[in-house]
PDB file of all heavy atoms in Angstrom:
ATOM      1  N   GLN A   1       0.814  -1.210   0.000  1.00  0.00           N
ATOM      2  CA  GLN A   1       0.000   0.000   0.000  1.00  0.00           C
ATOM      3  C   GLN A   1       0.850   1.264   0.000  1.00  0.00           C
ATOM      4  O   GLN A   1       0.569   2.218  -0.726  1.00  0.00           O
ATOM      5  CB  GLN A   1      -0.951   0.013   1.185  1.00  0.00           C
ATOM      6  CG  GLN A   1      -1.850   1.243   1.182  1.00  0.00           C
ATOM      7  CD  GLN A   1      -2.832   1.247   2.325  1.00  0.00           C
ATOM      8  OE1 GLN A   1      -2.874   0.339   3.131  1.00  0.00           O
ATOM      9  NE2 GLN A   1      -3.625   2.285   2.397  1.00  0.00           N
ATOM     10  N   ALA A   2       1.909   1.301   0.803  1.00  0.00           N
ATOM     11  CA  ALA A   2       2.778   2.490   0.854  1.00  0.00           C
ATOM     12  C   ALA A   2       3.377   2.777  -0.516  1.00  0.00           C
ATOM     13  O   ALA A   2       3.516   3.940  -0.911  1.00  0.00           O
ATOM     14  CB  ALA A   2       3.887   2.297   1.886  1.00  0.00           C
ATOM     15  N   ALA A   3       3.689   1.732  -1.258  1.00  0.00           N
ATOM     16  CA  ALA A   3       4.278   1.912  -2.583  1.00  0.00           C
ATOM     17  C   ALA A   3       3.257   2.450  -3.576  1.00  0.00           C
ATOM     18  O   ALA A   3       3.572   3.323  -4.393  1.00  0.00           O
ATOM     19  CB  ALA A   3       4.855   0.588  -3.081  1.00  0.00           C
ATOM     20  N   VAL A   4       2.044   1.958  -3.512  1.00  0.00           N
ATOM     21  CA  VAL A   4       0.994   2.431  -4.416  1.00  0.00           C
ATOM     22  C   VAL A   4       0.714   3.908  -4.158  1.00  0.00           C
ATOM     23  O   VAL A   4       0.629   4.714  -5.094  1.00  0.00           O
ATOM     24  CB  VAL A   4      -0.290   1.583  -4.251  1.00  0.00           C
ATOM     25  CG1 VAL A   4      -1.435   2.164  -5.049  1.00  0.00           C
ATOM     26  CG2 VAL A   4      -0.020   0.140  -4.668  1.00  0.00           C
ATOM     27  N   VAL A   5       0.606   4.287  -2.901  1.00  0.00           N
ATOM     28  CA  VAL A   5       0.363   5.684  -2.539  1.00  0.00           C
ATOM     29  C   VAL A   5       1.549   6.549  -2.982  1.00  0.00           C
ATOM     30  O   VAL A   5       1.375   7.659  -3.486  1.00  0.00           O
ATOM     31  CB  VAL A   5       0.099   5.815  -1.022  1.00  0.00           C
ATOM     32  CG1 VAL A   5       0.029   7.265  -0.587  1.00  0.00           C
ATOM     33  CG2 VAL A   5      -1.181   5.086  -0.654  1.00  0.00           C
ATOM     34  N   ALA A   6       2.761   6.040  -2.823  1.00  0.00           N
ATOM     35  CA  ALA A   6       3.960   6.781  -3.228  1.00  0.00           C
ATOM     36  C   ALA A   6       3.981   7.035  -4.730  1.00  0.00           C
ATOM     37  O   ALA A   6       4.374   8.114  -5.182  1.00  0.00           O
ATOM     38  CB  ALA A   6       5.211   6.034  -2.791  1.00  0.00           C
ATOM     39  N   LEU A   7       3.561   6.042  -5.516  1.00  0.00           N
ATOM     40  CA  LEU A   7       3.512   6.233  -6.971  1.00  0.00           C
ATOM     41  C   LEU A   7       2.549   7.344  -7.359  1.00  0.00           C
ATOM     42  O   LEU A   7       2.858   8.188  -8.210  1.00  0.00           O
ATOM     43  CB  LEU A   7       3.114   4.934  -7.677  1.00  0.00           C
ATOM     44  CG  LEU A   7       4.233   3.927  -7.903  1.00  0.00           C
ATOM     45  CD1 LEU A   7       3.664   2.612  -8.436  1.00  0.00           C
ATOM     46  CD2 LEU A   7       5.277   4.480  -8.843  1.00  0.00           C
ATOM     47  N   VAL A   8       1.401   7.372  -6.725  1.00  0.00           N
ATOM     48  CA  VAL A   8       0.424   8.432  -6.993  1.00  0.00           C
ATOM     49  C   VAL A   8       1.018   9.782  -6.587  1.00  0.00           C
ATOM     50  O   VAL A   8       0.905  10.778  -7.316  1.00  0.00           O
ATOM     51  CB  VAL A   8      -0.907   8.161  -6.255  1.00  0.00           C
ATOM     52  CG1 VAL A   8      -1.849   9.343  -6.362  1.00  0.00           C
ATOM     53  CG2 VAL A   8      -1.561   6.901  -6.808  1.00  0.00           C
ATOM     54  N   GLY A   9       1.678   9.833  -5.455  1.00  0.00           N
ATOM     55  CA  GLY A   9       2.312  11.067  -4.996  1.00  0.00           C
ATOM     56  C   GLY A   9       3.401  11.540  -5.942  1.00  0.00           C
ATOM     57  O   GLY A   9       3.536  12.751  -6.186  1.00  0.00           O
ATOM     58  N   ALA A  10       4.166  10.617  -6.482  1.00  0.00           N
ATOM     59  CA  ALA A  10       5.225  10.977  -7.434  1.00  0.00           C
ATOM     60  C   ALA A  10       4.625  11.565  -8.702  1.00  0.00           C
ATOM     61  O   ALA A  10       5.153  12.545  -9.252  1.00  0.00           O
ATOM     62  CB  ALA A  10       6.089   9.762  -7.756  1.00  0.00           C
ATOM     63  N   GLU A  11       3.516  11.005  -9.156  1.00  0.00           N
ATOM     64  CA  GLU A  11       2.857  11.539 -10.358  1.00  0.00           C
ATOM     65  C   GLU A  11       2.347  12.957 -10.107  1.00  0.00           C
ATOM     66  O   GLU A  11       2.499  13.846 -10.956  1.00  0.00           O
ATOM     67  CB  GLU A  11       1.696  10.627 -10.786  1.00  0.00           C
ATOM     68  CG  GLU A  11       2.123   9.237 -11.202  1.00  0.00           C
ATOM     69  CD  GLU A  11       3.112   9.220 -12.362  1.00  0.00           C
ATOM     70  OE1 GLU A  11       2.966  10.053 -13.284  1.00  0.00           O
ATOM     71  OE2 GLU A  11       4.029   8.395 -12.326  1.00  0.00           O
ATOM     72  N   GLU A  12       1.741  13.176  -8.952  1.00  0.00           N
ATOM     73  CA  GLU A  12       1.234  14.511  -8.617  1.00  0.00           C
ATOM     74  C   GLU A  12       2.391  15.505  -8.495  1.00  0.00           C
ATOM     75  O   GLU A  12       2.302  16.633  -8.983  1.00  0.00           O
ATOM     76  CB  GLU A  12       0.436  14.461  -7.307  1.00  0.00           C
ATOM     77  CG  GLU A  12      -0.018  15.814  -6.809  1.00  0.00           C
ATOM     78  CD  GLU A  12      -0.954  16.547  -7.757  1.00  0.00           C
ATOM     79  OE1 GLU A  12      -1.607  15.898  -8.599  1.00  0.00           O
ATOM     80  OE2 GLU A  12      -1.025  17.781  -7.660  1.00  0.00           O
ATOM     81  N   ALA A  13       3.468  15.096  -7.857  1.00  0.00           N
ATOM     82  CA  ALA A  13       4.627  15.983  -7.707  1.00  0.00           C
ATOM     83  C   ALA A  13       5.231  16.327  -9.063  1.00  0.00           C
ATOM     84  O   ALA A  13       5.681  17.452  -9.277  1.00  0.00           O
ATOM     85  CB  ALA A  13       5.670  15.327  -6.812  1.00  0.00           C
ATOM     86  N   GLU A  14       5.223  15.379  -9.965  1.00  0.00           N
ATOM     87  CA  GLU A  14       5.748  15.632 -11.304  1.00  0.00           C
ATOM     88  C   GLU A  14       4.894  16.691 -12.017  1.00  0.00           C
ATOM     89  O   GLU A  14       5.423  17.571 -12.705  1.00  0.00           O
ATOM     90  CB  GLU A  14       5.785  14.338 -12.103  1.00  0.00           C
ATOM     91  CG  GLU A  14       6.623  14.418 -13.343  1.00  0.00           C
ATOM     92  CD  GLU A  14       6.912  13.046 -13.903  1.00  0.00           C
ATOM     93  OE1 GLU A  14       5.958  12.253 -14.092  1.00  0.00           O
ATOM     94  OE2 GLU A  14       8.088  12.770 -14.152  1.00  0.00           O
ATOM     95  N   ARG A  15       3.596  16.625 -11.819  1.00  0.00           N
ATOM     96  CA  ARG A  15       2.716  17.658 -12.384  1.00  0.00           C
ATOM     97  C   ARG A  15       3.024  19.031 -11.768  1.00  0.00           C
ATOM     98  O   ARG A  15       3.071  20.036 -12.463  1.00  0.00           O
ATOM     99  CB  ARG A  15       1.242  17.301 -12.169  1.00  0.00           C
ATOM    100  CG  ARG A  15       0.722  16.270 -13.163  1.00  0.00           C
ATOM    101  CD  ARG A  15      -0.777  16.146 -13.099  1.00  0.00           C
ATOM    102  NE  ARG A  15      -1.275  15.523 -11.887  1.00  0.00           N
ATOM    103  CZ  ARG A  15      -1.236  14.216 -11.642  1.00  0.00           C
ATOM    104  NH1 ARG A  15      -0.730  13.387 -12.531  1.00  0.00           N
ATOM    105  NH2 ARG A  15      -1.723  13.719 -10.517  1.00  0.00           N
ATOM    106  N   ARG A  16       3.251  19.049 -10.475  1.00  0.00           N
ATOM    107  CA  ARG A  16       3.600  20.308  -9.796  1.00  0.00           C
ATOM    108  C   ARG A  16       4.927  20.850 -10.329  1.00  0.00           C
ATOM    109  O   ARG A  16       5.079  22.055 -10.496  1.00  0.00           O
ATOM    110  CB  ARG A  16       3.731  20.105  -8.295  1.00  0.00           C
ATOM    111  CG  ARG A  16       2.447  19.785  -7.628  1.00  0.00           C
ATOM    112  CD  ARG A  16       1.989  20.967  -6.811  1.00  0.00           C
ATOM    113  NE  ARG A  16       0.770  20.594  -6.134  1.00  0.00           N
ATOM    114  CZ  ARG A  16      -0.398  21.096  -6.426  1.00  0.00           C
ATOM    115  NH1 ARG A  16      -0.519  22.000  -7.359  1.00  0.00           N
ATOM    116  NH2 ARG A  16      -1.470  20.713  -5.782  1.00  0.00           N
ATOM    117  N   ALA A  17       5.874  19.976 -10.569  1.00  0.00           N
ATOM    118  CA  ALA A  17       7.187  20.406 -11.062  1.00  0.00           C
ATOM    119  C   ALA A  17       7.053  21.112 -12.401  1.00  0.00           C
ATOM    120  O   ALA A  17       7.802  22.051 -12.693  1.00  0.00           O
ATOM    121  CB  ALA A  17       8.131  19.216 -11.183  1.00  0.00           C
ATOM    122  N   GLY A  18       6.091  20.699 -13.196  1.00  0.00           N
ATOM    123  CA  GLY A  18       5.869  21.341 -14.478  1.00  0.00           C
ATOM    124  C   GLY A  18       5.423  22.780 -14.343  1.00  0.00           C
ATOM    125  O   GLY A  18       5.589  23.587 -15.262  1.00  0.00           O
ATOM    126  N   ALA A  19       4.874  23.142 -13.179  1.00  0.00           N
ATOM    127  CA  ALA A  19       4.399  24.511 -12.948  1.00  0.00           C
ATOM    128  C   ALA A  19       5.497  25.413 -12.386  1.00  0.00           C
ATOM    129  O   ALA A  19       5.279  26.595 -12.183  1.00  0.00           O
ATOM    130  CB  ALA A  19       3.211  24.496 -11.984  1.00  0.00           C
ATOM    131  N   LEU A  20       6.668  24.862 -12.133  1.00  0.00           N
ATOM    132  CA  LEU A  20       7.743  25.632 -11.514  1.00  0.00           C
ATOM    133  C   LEU A  20       8.536  26.399 -12.566  1.00  0.00           C
ATOM    134  O   LEU A  20       9.594  25.986 -13.000  1.00  0.00           O
ATOM    135  CB  LEU A  20       8.686  24.703 -10.733  1.00  0.00           C
ATOM    136  CG  LEU A  20       8.139  24.171  -9.438  1.00  0.00           C
ATOM    137  CD1 LEU A  20       9.041  23.089  -8.878  1.00  0.00           C
ATOM    138  CD2 LEU A  20       7.960  25.278  -8.428  1.00  0.00           C
ATOM    139  N   GLY A  21       7.997  27.524 -12.959  1.00  0.00           N
ATOM    140  CA  GLY A  21       8.680  28.384 -13.913  1.00  0.00           C
ATOM    141  C   GLY A  21       9.550  29.402 -13.206  1.00  0.00           C
ATOM    142  O   GLY A  21       9.578  29.471 -11.980  1.00  0.00           O
ATOM    143  N   PRO A  22      10.263  30.224 -13.965  1.00  0.00           N
ATOM    144  CA  PRO A  22      11.156  31.209 -13.351  1.00  0.00           C
ATOM    145  C   PRO A  22      10.419  32.322 -12.613  1.00  0.00           C
ATOM    146  O   PRO A  22      10.949  32.895 -11.673  1.00  0.00           O
ATOM    147  CB  PRO A  22      11.948  31.765 -14.534  1.00  0.00           C
ATOM    148  CG  PRO A  22      11.113  31.468 -15.734  1.00  0.00           C
ATOM    149  CD  PRO A  22      10.304  30.249 -15.408  1.00  0.00           C
ATOM    150  N   ASP A  23       9.203  32.639 -13.006  1.00  0.00           N
ATOM    151  CA  ASP A  23       8.438  33.711 -12.363  1.00  0.00           C
ATOM    152  C   ASP A  23       7.204  33.131 -11.684  1.00  0.00           C
ATOM    153  O   ASP A  23       6.103  33.177 -12.213  1.00  0.00           O
ATOM    154  CB  ASP A  23       8.028  34.768 -13.398  1.00  0.00           C
ATOM    155  CG  ASP A  23       9.232  35.440 -14.006  1.00  0.00           C
ATOM    156  OD1 ASP A  23      10.156  35.772 -13.245  1.00  0.00           O
ATOM    157  OD2 ASP A  23       9.258  35.609 -15.229  1.00  0.00           O
ATOM    158  N   MET A  24       7.402  32.595 -10.502  1.00  0.00           N
ATOM    159  CA  MET A  24       6.313  31.951  -9.776  1.00  0.00           C
ATOM    160  C   MET A  24       5.812  32.860  -8.675  1.00  0.00           C
ATOM    161  O   MET A  24       6.561  33.647  -8.124  1.00  0.00           O
ATOM    162  CB  MET A  24       6.813  30.652  -9.147  1.00  0.00           C
ATOM    163  CG  MET A  24       7.256  29.640 -10.147  1.00  0.00           C
ATOM    164  SD  MET A  24       7.976  28.173  -9.396  1.00  0.00           S
ATOM    165  CE  MET A  24       7.256  28.084  -7.822  1.00  0.00           C
ATOM    166  N   ASP A  25       4.548  32.690  -8.331  1.00  0.00           N
ATOM    167  CA  ASP A  25       4.025  33.424  -7.188  1.00  0.00           C
ATOM    168  C   ASP A  25       4.195  32.570  -5.929  1.00  0.00           C
ATOM    169  O   ASP A  25       4.541  31.396  -5.997  1.00  0.00           O
ATOM    170  CB  ASP A  25       2.563  33.809  -7.410  1.00  0.00           C
ATOM    171  CG  ASP A  25       1.647  32.608  -7.618  1.00  0.00           C
ATOM    172  OD1 ASP A  25       2.068  31.464  -7.379  1.00  0.00           O
ATOM    173  OD2 ASP A  25       0.499  32.826  -8.022  1.00  0.00           O
ATOM    174  N   GLU A  26       3.969  33.182  -4.787  1.00  0.00           N
ATOM    175  CA  GLU A  26       4.168  32.480  -3.516  1.00  0.00           C
ATOM    176  C   GLU A  26       3.276  31.255  -3.393  1.00  0.00           C
ATOM    177  O   GLU A  26       3.702  30.225  -2.861  1.00  0.00           O
ATOM    178  CB  GLU A  26       3.901  33.421  -2.345  1.00  0.00           C
ATOM    179  CG  GLU A  26       4.977  34.446  -2.151  1.00  0.00           C
ATOM    180  CD  GLU A  26       4.727  35.319  -0.936  1.00  0.00           C
ATOM    181  OE1 GLU A  26       3.765  35.081  -0.181  1.00  0.00           O
ATOM    182  OE2 GLU A  26       5.513  36.262  -0.751  1.00  0.00           O
ATOM    183  N   ARG A  27       2.068  31.354  -3.876  1.00  0.00           N
ATOM    184  CA  ARG A  27       1.126  30.226  -3.786  1.00  0.00           C
ATOM    185  C   ARG A  27       1.678  29.004  -4.518  1.00  0.00           C
ATOM    186  O   ARG A  27       1.633  27.889  -4.001  1.00  0.00           O
ATOM    187  CB  ARG A  27      -0.221  30.643  -4.370  1.00  0.00           C
ATOM    188  CG  ARG A  27      -1.281  29.588  -4.303  1.00  0.00           C
ATOM    189  CD  ARG A  27      -2.630  30.169  -4.783  1.00  0.00           C
ATOM    190  NE  ARG A  27      -3.630  29.152  -4.842  1.00  0.00           N
ATOM    191  CZ  ARG A  27      -3.957  28.498  -5.962  1.00  0.00           C
ATOM    192  NH1 ARG A  27      -3.371  28.783  -7.098  1.00  0.00           N
ATOM    193  NH2 ARG A  27      -4.887  27.572  -5.937  1.00  0.00           N
TER     194      ARG A  27
END
């Protein structure tokens, strides 16, 4: 179960990483 949850978390984090541009707001 921990591994399955971790995979989902990694996918979500990867999506977040795509939003990390040079001009980001605090949010």
